[in-house]
N, C-alpha and C. Protein backbone atom coordinates (compact mmCIF):
# COMPACT_ATOMS: atom_id res chain seq x y z
N MET A 1 223.24 144.06 1.47
CA MET A 1 222.80 144.37 2.82
C MET A 1 222.77 145.88 2.98
N ALA A 2 221.69 146.38 3.56
CA ALA A 2 221.53 147.82 3.79
C ALA A 2 222.54 148.29 4.83
N THR A 3 223.09 149.46 4.58
CA THR A 3 224.03 150.05 5.54
C THR A 3 223.43 151.35 6.04
N VAL A 4 222.34 151.21 6.76
CA VAL A 4 221.61 152.36 7.28
C VAL A 4 221.57 152.28 8.80
N VAL A 5 221.99 153.34 9.42
CA VAL A 5 221.87 153.48 10.86
C VAL A 5 220.57 154.24 11.09
N HIS A 6 219.56 153.57 11.65
CA HIS A 6 218.26 154.21 11.82
C HIS A 6 218.22 155.06 13.08
N PHE A 7 217.15 155.81 13.25
CA PHE A 7 217.02 156.78 14.33
C PHE A 7 217.27 156.16 15.70
N ASN A 8 216.66 155.02 15.97
CA ASN A 8 216.84 154.39 17.29
C ASN A 8 218.30 154.01 17.54
N MET A 9 219.00 153.63 16.49
CA MET A 9 220.42 153.31 16.63
C MET A 9 221.22 154.58 16.96
N LEU A 10 220.86 155.70 16.34
CA LEU A 10 221.52 156.97 16.67
C LEU A 10 221.32 157.31 18.14
N VAL A 11 220.11 157.12 18.62
CA VAL A 11 219.81 157.39 20.04
C VAL A 11 220.66 156.48 20.92
N GLU A 12 220.74 155.19 20.57
CA GLU A 12 221.53 154.24 21.36
C GLU A 12 223.01 154.57 21.32
N ILE A 13 223.53 154.95 20.17
CA ILE A 13 224.95 155.31 20.06
C ILE A 13 225.24 156.56 20.90
N ASN A 14 224.36 157.55 20.81
CA ASN A 14 224.56 158.76 21.61
C ASN A 14 224.51 158.45 23.11
N GLN A 15 223.64 157.53 23.52
CA GLN A 15 223.59 157.14 24.93
C GLN A 15 224.87 156.41 25.32
N LEU A 16 225.37 155.57 24.42
CA LEU A 16 226.62 154.85 24.66
C LEU A 16 227.78 155.84 24.86
N LEU A 17 227.84 156.85 24.02
CA LEU A 17 228.87 157.87 24.17
C LEU A 17 228.74 158.56 25.53
N LYS A 18 227.52 158.94 25.87
CA LYS A 18 227.27 159.61 27.15
C LYS A 18 227.64 158.72 28.33
N ASP A 19 227.24 157.44 28.27
CA ASP A 19 227.54 156.49 29.35
C ASP A 19 229.04 156.31 29.56
N ASN A 20 229.81 156.52 28.49
CA ASN A 20 231.26 156.38 28.57
C ASN A 20 231.96 157.72 28.85
N GLY A 21 231.18 158.73 29.19
CA GLY A 21 231.75 160.03 29.53
C GLY A 21 232.36 160.77 28.35
N ILE A 22 231.91 160.43 27.15
CA ILE A 22 232.44 161.05 25.93
C ILE A 22 231.49 162.17 25.52
N GLU A 23 232.02 163.38 25.50
CA GLU A 23 231.20 164.55 25.23
C GLU A 23 231.12 164.87 23.74
N TYR A 24 230.67 163.88 22.99
CA TYR A 24 230.44 164.00 21.55
C TYR A 24 229.04 163.44 21.29
N SER A 25 228.46 163.82 20.17
CA SER A 25 227.20 163.23 19.74
C SER A 25 227.31 162.93 18.25
N ILE A 26 226.45 162.04 17.80
CA ILE A 26 226.48 161.62 16.41
C ILE A 26 225.13 161.98 15.77
N HIS A 27 225.18 162.43 14.51
CA HIS A 27 223.98 162.91 13.81
C HIS A 27 224.01 162.39 12.38
N SER A 28 222.82 162.15 11.83
CA SER A 28 222.75 161.72 10.44
C SER A 28 222.96 162.92 9.53
N ILE A 29 223.50 162.66 8.36
CA ILE A 29 223.69 163.70 7.35
C ILE A 29 222.59 163.51 6.32
N GLY A 30 221.87 164.54 6.04
CA GLY A 30 220.77 164.45 5.08
C GLY A 30 219.56 163.78 5.71
N ALA A 31 218.72 163.26 4.87
CA ALA A 31 217.46 162.67 5.33
C ALA A 31 217.66 161.28 5.92
N CYS A 32 218.72 160.63 5.54
CA CYS A 32 218.98 159.30 6.09
C CYS A 32 220.49 159.10 6.24
N THR A 33 220.87 158.05 6.91
CA THR A 33 222.29 157.84 7.16
C THR A 33 223.01 157.20 5.98
N CYS A 34 222.30 156.98 4.88
CA CYS A 34 222.99 156.47 3.69
C CYS A 34 224.07 157.46 3.26
N ALA A 35 223.86 158.74 3.58
CA ALA A 35 224.84 159.77 3.23
C ALA A 35 225.96 159.84 4.25
N GLY A 36 225.77 159.26 5.41
CA GLY A 36 226.82 159.23 6.41
C GLY A 36 226.37 159.80 7.74
N LEU A 37 227.33 159.87 8.64
CA LEU A 37 227.10 160.38 9.99
C LEU A 37 228.11 161.48 10.28
N ARG A 38 227.74 162.38 11.16
CA ARG A 38 228.63 163.46 11.55
C ARG A 38 228.80 163.42 13.06
N LEU A 39 230.06 163.39 13.50
CA LEU A 39 230.38 163.50 14.92
C LEU A 39 230.46 164.97 15.28
N ARG A 40 229.89 165.31 16.43
CA ARG A 40 229.96 166.70 16.90
C ARG A 40 230.54 166.71 18.31
N GLN A 41 231.54 167.54 18.51
CA GLN A 41 232.12 167.67 19.84
C GLN A 41 231.24 168.61 20.65
N ASP A 42 230.73 168.11 21.78
CA ASP A 42 229.82 168.88 22.62
C ASP A 42 230.49 169.35 23.92
N GLY A 43 231.72 168.98 24.13
CA GLY A 43 232.42 169.33 25.36
C GLY A 43 233.90 169.05 25.21
N LYS A 44 234.43 168.31 26.17
CA LYS A 44 235.86 168.00 26.19
C LYS A 44 236.27 167.17 24.98
N SER A 45 237.49 167.42 24.54
CA SER A 45 238.07 166.66 23.43
C SER A 45 238.30 165.21 23.85
N TYR A 46 238.21 164.31 22.90
CA TYR A 46 238.40 162.88 23.14
C TYR A 46 239.01 162.29 21.88
N PRO A 47 239.89 161.30 21.99
CA PRO A 47 240.52 160.72 20.78
C PRO A 47 239.46 160.15 19.82
N LEU A 48 239.48 160.64 18.59
CA LEU A 48 238.49 160.21 17.61
C LEU A 48 238.54 158.72 17.33
N GLN A 49 239.72 158.14 17.28
CA GLN A 49 239.81 156.71 16.98
C GLN A 49 239.12 155.88 18.06
N LYS A 50 239.19 156.32 19.31
CA LYS A 50 238.52 155.60 20.39
C LYS A 50 237.00 155.69 20.25
N ILE A 51 236.52 156.84 19.79
CA ILE A 51 235.09 157.00 19.55
C ILE A 51 234.66 156.09 18.41
N ILE A 52 235.42 156.08 17.34
CA ILE A 52 235.11 155.24 16.18
C ILE A 52 235.12 153.77 16.58
N ASP A 53 236.10 153.36 17.38
CA ASP A 53 236.17 151.97 17.84
C ASP A 53 234.94 151.61 18.67
N LEU A 54 234.48 152.51 19.53
CA LEU A 54 233.30 152.27 20.34
C LEU A 54 232.05 152.13 19.47
N ILE A 55 231.90 153.02 18.49
CA ILE A 55 230.77 152.95 17.57
C ILE A 55 230.82 151.65 16.78
N ASN A 56 232.00 151.27 16.32
CA ASN A 56 232.13 150.04 15.53
C ASN A 56 231.84 148.79 16.36
N ARG A 57 232.16 148.81 17.65
CA ARG A 57 231.79 147.68 18.51
C ARG A 57 230.27 147.58 18.60
N TYR A 58 229.60 148.72 18.68
CA TYR A 58 228.14 148.73 18.70
C TYR A 58 227.58 148.18 17.39
N LEU A 59 228.15 148.59 16.26
CA LEU A 59 227.64 148.20 14.94
C LEU A 59 228.05 146.79 14.51
N GLU A 60 229.01 146.21 15.21
CA GLU A 60 229.58 144.93 14.79
C GLU A 60 228.54 143.84 14.56
N ASN A 61 227.61 143.68 15.48
CA ASN A 61 226.61 142.60 15.32
C ASN A 61 225.52 142.97 14.33
N LYS A 62 225.57 144.18 13.80
CA LYS A 62 224.64 144.62 12.76
C LYS A 62 225.32 144.56 11.38
N TRP A 63 226.52 144.03 11.34
CA TRP A 63 227.32 143.82 10.13
C TRP A 63 227.62 145.12 9.40
N MET A 64 227.82 146.18 10.19
CA MET A 64 228.19 147.48 9.63
C MET A 64 229.40 148.02 10.39
N LYS A 65 229.99 149.04 9.82
CA LYS A 65 231.06 149.77 10.51
C LYS A 65 231.11 151.17 9.95
N VAL A 66 231.78 152.06 10.67
CA VAL A 66 231.98 153.42 10.18
C VAL A 66 233.46 153.62 9.88
N ILE A 67 233.69 154.43 8.86
CA ILE A 67 235.05 154.76 8.43
C ILE A 67 235.11 156.27 8.28
N PRO A 68 236.07 156.93 8.93
CA PRO A 68 236.18 158.38 8.77
C PRO A 68 236.71 158.74 7.39
N LYS A 69 236.21 159.84 6.84
CA LYS A 69 236.72 160.33 5.57
C LYS A 69 238.12 160.89 5.79
N ASP A 70 238.98 160.72 4.83
CA ASP A 70 240.36 161.20 4.93
C ASP A 70 240.44 162.70 5.15
N ASP A 71 239.61 163.46 4.45
CA ASP A 71 239.70 164.91 4.52
C ASP A 71 238.84 165.52 5.63
N ASP A 72 238.02 164.71 6.31
CA ASP A 72 237.17 165.21 7.39
C ASP A 72 236.88 164.05 8.35
N PRO A 73 237.72 163.85 9.38
CA PRO A 73 237.56 162.70 10.27
C PRO A 73 236.29 162.72 11.11
N LEU A 74 235.57 163.85 11.14
CA LEU A 74 234.29 163.90 11.86
C LEU A 74 233.13 163.40 11.00
N TYR A 75 233.39 163.23 9.70
CA TYR A 75 232.40 162.67 8.78
C TYR A 75 232.64 161.16 8.70
N LEU A 76 231.65 160.38 9.08
CA LEU A 76 231.80 158.92 9.12
C LEU A 76 230.93 158.28 8.06
N GLN A 77 231.54 157.50 7.20
CA GLN A 77 230.81 156.74 6.20
C GLN A 77 230.37 155.42 6.83
N VAL A 78 229.12 155.03 6.60
CA VAL A 78 228.60 153.77 7.09
C VAL A 78 228.75 152.76 5.95
N VAL A 79 229.45 151.67 6.23
CA VAL A 79 229.69 150.65 5.20
C VAL A 79 229.33 149.28 5.74
N SER A 80 229.05 148.39 4.82
CA SER A 80 228.81 147.00 5.17
C SER A 80 230.14 146.34 5.50
N LYS A 81 230.19 145.60 6.58
CA LYS A 81 231.42 144.87 6.92
C LYS A 81 231.75 143.87 5.84
N PHE A 82 230.73 143.31 5.18
CA PHE A 82 230.98 142.33 4.12
C PHE A 82 231.75 142.95 2.97
N GLU A 83 231.29 144.10 2.51
CA GLU A 83 231.97 144.78 1.40
C GLU A 83 233.34 145.26 1.81
N TYR A 84 233.45 145.82 2.99
CA TYR A 84 234.72 146.37 3.46
C TYR A 84 235.78 145.28 3.60
N GLU A 85 235.38 144.10 4.09
CA GLU A 85 236.33 143.03 4.32
C GLU A 85 236.78 142.38 3.02
N LYS A 86 236.06 142.60 1.91
CA LYS A 86 236.47 142.06 0.61
C LYS A 86 237.68 142.82 0.06
N GLU A 87 237.79 144.09 0.42
CA GLU A 87 238.86 144.95 -0.13
C GLU A 87 240.20 144.62 0.45
């Protein structure tokens, strides 16, 4: 299963963040999101885990989720829920 967050999904996630009063935005890394996503703080600080949980609720019915990298929690890897749940 492809683990790609396409442009329209990025727009929807950014709107979801805005609708929830979260002053962060999400951007693709490289030419496509296969390389991952980057969270950018655009205003007030907000707990990263809550942002990740909100994004994962959005991605849940698309059988994907994001996982922050250990050394850079603003870098989010997009993974298949199927593969992740096997581990």
